[in-house]
Amino acid sequence: MQSTEIIYQVNENLSNIINQINSNLTIDTDIIEMSKQIDLLLEELMSEIEKSN
């Protein structure tokens, strides 16, 4: 599986998790913060993959 496909699947799974959490929490700021952290992690992961290629 190509790294871009892996990233896509990770992102999709994380989005699903966020949606599930969001439906069970009332504090939107927590969700926003988690989303930002996930975005940063995915950017870092992409950067690392590009370096290794």
PDB file of N, CA and C in Angstrom:
ATOM      1  N   MET A   1       0.839  -1.189   0.000  1.00  0.00           N
ATOM      2  CA  MET A   1       0.000   0.000   0.000  1.00  0.00           C
ATOM      3  C   MET A   1       0.882   1.249   0.000  1.00  0.00           C
ATOM      4  N   GLN A   2       0.534   2.221  -0.813  1.00  0.00           N
ATOM      5  CA  GLN A   2       1.335   3.435  -0.894  1.00  0.00           C
ATOM      6  C   GLN A   2       1.115   4.297   0.342  1.00  0.00           C
ATOM      7  N   SER A   3       2.130   5.073   0.665  1.00  0.00           N
ATOM      8  CA  SER A   3       2.060   5.906   1.866  1.00  0.00           C
ATOM      9  C   SER A   3       0.912   6.903   1.802  1.00  0.00           C
ATOM     10  N   THR A   4       0.626   7.410   0.602  1.00  0.00           N
ATOM     11  CA  THR A   4      -0.486   8.360   0.495  1.00  0.00           C
ATOM     12  C   THR A   4      -1.819   7.689   0.811  1.00  0.00           C
ATOM     13  N   GLU A   5      -1.957   6.443   0.422  1.00  0.00           N
ATOM     14  CA  GLU A   5      -3.175   5.698   0.738  1.00  0.00           C
ATOM     15  C   GLU A   5      -3.277   5.448   2.241  1.00  0.00           C
ATOM     16  N   ILE A   6      -2.152   5.148   2.857  1.00  0.00           N
ATOM     17  CA  ILE A   6      -2.131   4.957   4.306  1.00  0.00           C
ATOM     18  C   ILE A   6      -2.572   6.235   5.005  1.00  0.00           C
ATOM     19  N   ILE A   7      -2.018   7.357   4.568  1.00  0.00           N
ATOM     20  CA  ILE A   7      -2.379   8.639   5.171  1.00  0.00           C
ATOM     21  C   ILE A   7      -3.864   8.913   4.995  1.00  0.00           C
ATOM     22  N   TYR A   8      -4.367   8.637   3.815  1.00  0.00           N
ATOM     23  CA  TYR A   8      -5.785   8.854   3.554  1.00  0.00           C
ATOM     24  C   TYR A   8      -6.639   8.029   4.516  1.00  0.00           C
ATOM     25  N   GLN A   9      -6.286   6.778   4.698  1.00  0.00           N
ATOM     26  CA  GLN A   9      -7.065   5.905   5.570  1.00  0.00           C
ATOM     27  C   GLN A   9      -6.966   6.339   7.029  1.00  0.00           C
ATOM     28  N   VAL A  10      -5.767   6.740   7.441  1.00  0.00           N
ATOM     29  CA  VAL A  10      -5.590   7.239   8.808  1.00  0.00           C
ATOM     30  C   VAL A  10      -6.472   8.461   9.025  1.00  0.00           C
ATOM     31  N   ASN A  11      -6.442   9.369   8.076  1.00  0.00           N
ATOM     32  CA  ASN A  11      -7.236  10.585   8.190  1.00  0.00           C
ATOM     33  C   ASN A  11      -8.726  10.267   8.243  1.00  0.00           C
ATOM     34  N   GLU A  12      -9.162   9.350   7.416  1.00  0.00           N
ATOM     35  CA  GLU A  12     -10.570   8.964   7.398  1.00  0.00           C
ATOM     36  C   GLU A  12     -10.989   8.348   8.731  1.00  0.00           C
ATOM     37  N   ASN A  13     -10.138   7.477   9.260  1.00  0.00           N
ATOM     38  CA  ASN A  13     -10.433   6.850  10.541  1.00  0.00           C
ATOM     39  C   ASN A  13     -10.477   7.870  11.666  1.00  0.00           C
ATOM     40  N   LEU A  14      -9.536   8.788  11.656  1.00  0.00           N
ATOM     41  CA  LEU A  14      -9.525   9.815  12.692  1.00  0.00           C
ATOM     42  C   LEU A  14     -10.754  10.713  12.589  1.00  0.00           C
ATOM     43  N   SER A  15     -11.173  11.014  11.395  1.00  0.00           N
ATOM     44  CA  SER A  15     -12.380  11.818  11.204  1.00  0.00           C
ATOM     45  C   SER A  15     -13.599  11.099  11.774  1.00  0.00           C
ATOM     46  N   ASN A  16     -13.672   9.814  11.533  1.00  0.00           N
ATOM     47  CA  ASN A  16     -14.780   9.028  12.083  1.00  0.00           C
ATOM     48  C   ASN A  16     -14.759   9.034  13.604  1.00  0.00           C
ATOM     49  N   ILE A  17     -13.567   8.907  14.171  1.00  0.00           N
ATOM     50  CA  ILE A  17     -13.433   8.934  15.626  1.00  0.00           C
ATOM     51  C   ILE A  17     -13.891  10.282  16.173  1.00  0.00           C
ATOM     52  N   ILE A  18     -13.453  11.352  15.528  1.00  0.00           N
ATOM     53  CA  ILE A  18     -13.846  12.690  15.976  1.00  0.00           C
ATOM     54  C   ILE A  18     -15.358  12.852  15.914  1.00  0.00           C
ATOM     55  N   ASN A  19     -15.959  12.373  14.850  1.00  0.00           N
ATOM     56  CA  ASN A  19     -17.416  12.470  14.728  1.00  0.00           C
ATOM     57  C   ASN A  19     -18.119  11.712  15.843  1.00  0.00           C
ATOM     58  N   GLN A  20     -17.607  10.548  16.177  1.00  0.00           N
ATOM     59  CA  GLN A  20     -18.204   9.771  17.257  1.00  0.00           C
ATOM     60  C   GLN A  20     -18.054  10.483  18.593  1.00  0.00           C
ATOM     61  N   ILE A  21     -16.870  11.020  18.838  1.00  0.00           N
ATOM     62  CA  ILE A  21     -16.635  11.744  20.085  1.00  0.00           C
ATOM     63  C   ILE A  21     -17.517  12.983  20.139  1.00  0.00           C
ATOM     64  N   ASN A  22     -17.594  13.677  19.032  1.00  0.00           N
ATOM     65  CA  ASN A  22     -18.375  14.905  18.967  1.00  0.00           C
ATOM     66  C   ASN A  22     -19.842  14.649  19.296  1.00  0.00           C
ATOM     67  N   SER A  23     -20.357  13.513  18.919  1.00  0.00           N
ATOM     68  CA  SER A  23     -21.755  13.200  19.196  1.00  0.00           C
ATOM     69  C   SER A  23     -21.989  12.899  20.673  1.00  0.00           C
ATOM     70  N   ASN A  24     -20.901  12.657  21.396  1.00  0.00           N
ATOM     71  CA  ASN A  24     -21.036  12.330  22.816  1.00  0.00           C
ATOM     72  C   ASN A  24     -20.541  13.422  23.747  1.00  0.00           C
ATOM     73  N   LEU A  25     -19.983  14.483  23.194  1.00  0.00           N
ATOM     74  CA  LEU A  25     -19.484  15.578  24.021  1.00  0.00           C
ATOM     75  C   LEU A  25     -20.226  16.864  23.702  1.00  0.00           C
ATOM     76  N   THR A  26     -20.290  17.730  24.689  1.00  0.00           N
ATOM     77  CA  THR A  26     -20.954  19.011  24.475  1.00  0.00           C
ATOM     78  C   THR A  26     -19.956  20.146  24.340  1.00  0.00           C
ATOM     79  N   ILE A  27     -18.694  19.904  24.664  1.00  0.00           N
ATOM     80  CA  ILE A  27     -17.681  20.959  24.619  1.00  0.00           C
ATOM     81  C   ILE A  27     -16.985  20.926  23.263  1.00  0.00           C
ATOM     82  N   ASP A  28     -17.381  21.832  22.392  1.00  0.00           N
ATOM     83  CA  ASP A  28     -16.844  21.850  21.035  1.00  0.00           C
ATOM     84  C   ASP A  28     -15.363  22.210  20.992  1.00  0.00           C
ATOM     85  N   THR A  29     -14.899  22.998  21.944  1.00  0.00           N
ATOM     86  CA  THR A  29     -13.495  23.415  21.916  1.00  0.00           C
ATOM     87  C   THR A  29     -12.553  22.225  22.058  1.00  0.00           C
ATOM     88  N   ASP A  30     -12.950  21.221  22.809  1.00  0.00           N
ATOM     89  CA  ASP A  30     -12.125  20.015  22.930  1.00  0.00           C
ATOM     90  C   ASP A  30     -11.967  19.335  21.574  1.00  0.00           C
ATOM     91  N   ILE A  31     -13.057  19.250  20.844  1.00  0.00           N
ATOM     92  CA  ILE A  31     -13.024  18.617  19.531  1.00  0.00           C
ATOM     93  C   ILE A  31     -12.143  19.419  18.575  1.00  0.00           C
ATOM     94  N   ILE A  32     -12.284  20.736  18.619  1.00  0.00           N
ATOM     95  CA  ILE A  32     -11.472  21.593  17.751  1.00  0.00           C
ATOM     96  C   ILE A  32      -9.992  21.406  18.058  1.00  0.00           C
ATOM     97  N   GLU A  33      -9.652  21.366  19.332  1.00  0.00           N
ATOM     98  CA  GLU A  33      -8.252  21.205  19.725  1.00  0.00           C
ATOM     99  C   GLU A  33      -7.712  19.843  19.281  1.00  0.00           C
ATOM    100  N   MET A  34      -8.488  18.808  19.467  1.00  0.00           N
ATOM    101  CA  MET A  34      -8.049  17.480  19.032  1.00  0.00           C
ATOM    102  C   MET A  34      -7.867  17.438  17.521  1.00  0.00           C
ATOM    103  N   SER A  35      -8.758  18.079  16.812  1.00  0.00           N
ATOM    104  CA  SER A  35      -8.646  18.122  15.354  1.00  0.00           C
ATOM    105  C   SER A  35      -7.362  18.821  14.929  1.00  0.00           C
ATOM    106  N   LYS A  36      -7.033  19.912  15.590  1.00  0.00           N
ATOM    107  CA  LYS A  36      -5.802  20.637  15.272  1.00  0.00           C
ATOM    108  C   LYS A  36      -4.579  19.765  15.531  1.00  0.00           C
ATOM    109  N   GLN A  37      -4.603  19.047  16.647  1.00  0.00           N
ATOM    110  CA  GLN A  37      -3.475  18.177  16.974  1.00  0.00           C
ATOM    111  C   GLN A  37      -3.324  17.065  15.941  1.00  0.00           C
ATOM    112  N   ILE A  38      -4.440  16.491  15.536  1.00  0.00           N
ATOM    113  CA  ILE A  38      -4.398  15.436  14.523  1.00  0.00           C
ATOM    114  C   ILE A  38      -3.863  15.983  13.206  1.00  0.00           C
ATOM    115  N   ASP A  39      -4.308  17.182  12.832  1.00  0.00           N
ATOM    116  CA  ASP A  39      -3.803  17.802  11.605  1.00  0.00           C
ATOM    117  C   ASP A  39      -2.288  17.969  11.662  1.00  0.00           C
ATOM    118  N   LEU A  40      -1.794  18.436  12.785  1.00  0.00           N
ATOM    119  CA  LEU A  40      -0.350  18.625  12.937  1.00  0.00           C
ATOM    120  C   LEU A  40       0.395  17.297  12.855  1.00  0.00           C
ATOM    121  N   LEU A  41      -0.156  16.280  13.484  1.00  0.00           N
ATOM    122  CA  LEU A  41       0.478  14.965  13.442  1.00  0.00           C
ATOM    123  C   LEU A  41       0.506  14.408  12.024  1.00  0.00           C
ATOM    124  N   LEU A  42      -0.569  14.589  11.304  1.00  0.00           N
ATOM    125  CA  LEU A  42      -0.600  14.099   9.931  1.00  0.00           C
ATOM    126  C   LEU A  42       0.386  14.859   9.049  1.00  0.00           C
ATOM    127  N   GLU A  43       0.511  16.156   9.268  1.00  0.00           N
ATOM    128  CA  GLU A  43       1.501  16.932   8.517  1.00  0.00           C
ATOM    129  C   GLU A  43       2.912  16.434   8.810  1.00  0.00           C
ATOM    130  N   GLU A  44       3.166  16.165  10.071  1.00  0.00           N
ATOM    131  CA  GLU A  44       4.484  15.663  10.463  1.00  0.00           C
ATOM    132  C   GLU A  44       4.746  14.294   9.843  1.00  0.00           C
ATOM    133  N   LEU A  45       3.741  13.447   9.864  1.00  0.00           N
ATOM    134  CA  LEU A  45       3.879  12.120   9.276  1.00  0.00           C
ATOM    135  C   LEU A  45       4.153  12.209   7.780  1.00  0.00           C
ATOM    136  N   MET A  46       3.437  13.065   7.093  1.00  0.00           N
ATOM    137  CA  MET A  46       3.670  13.261   5.661  1.00  0.00           C
ATOM    138  C   MET A  46       5.097  13.736   5.404  1.00  0.00           C
ATOM    139  N   SER A  47       5.560  14.644   6.224  1.00  0.00           N
ATOM    140  CA  SER A  47       6.915  15.165   6.079  1.00  0.00           C
ATOM    141  C   SER A  47       7.946  14.052   6.255  1.00  0.00           C
ATOM    142  N   GLU A  48       7.742  13.224   7.247  1.00  0.00           N
ATOM    143  CA  GLU A  48       8.663  12.114   7.492  1.00  0.00           C
ATOM    144  C   GLU A  48       8.656  11.120   6.332  1.00  0.00           C
ATOM    145  N   ILE A  49       7.492  10.855   5.800  1.00  0.00           N
ATOM    146  CA  ILE A  49       7.394   9.926   4.671  1.00  0.00           C
ATOM    147  C   ILE A  49       8.115  10.492   3.454  1.00  0.00           C
ATOM    148  N   GLU A  50       7.931  11.781   3.205  1.00  0.00           N
ATOM    149  CA  GLU A  50       8.600  12.411   2.066  1.00  0.00           C
ATOM    150  C   GLU A  50      10.117  12.361   2.229  1.00  0.00           C
ATOM    151  N   LYS A  51      10.604  12.549   3.442  1.00  0.00           N
ATOM    152  CA  LYS A  51      12.047  12.486   3.693  1.00  0.00           C
ATOM    153  C   LYS A  51      12.594  11.091   3.406  1.00  0.00           C
ATOM    154  N   SER A  52      11.813  10.083   3.730  1.00  0.00           N
ATOM    155  CA  SER A  52      12.292   8.711   3.583  1.00  0.00           C
ATOM    156  C   SER A  52      12.239   8.222   2.139  1.00  0.00           C
ATOM    157  N   ASN A  53      11.508   8.920   1.292  1.00  0.00           N
ATOM    158  CA  ASN A  53      11.379   8.473  -0.108  1.00  0.00           C
ATOM    159  C   ASN A  53      12.485   8.978  -0.974  1.00  0.00           C
TER     160      ASN A  53
END
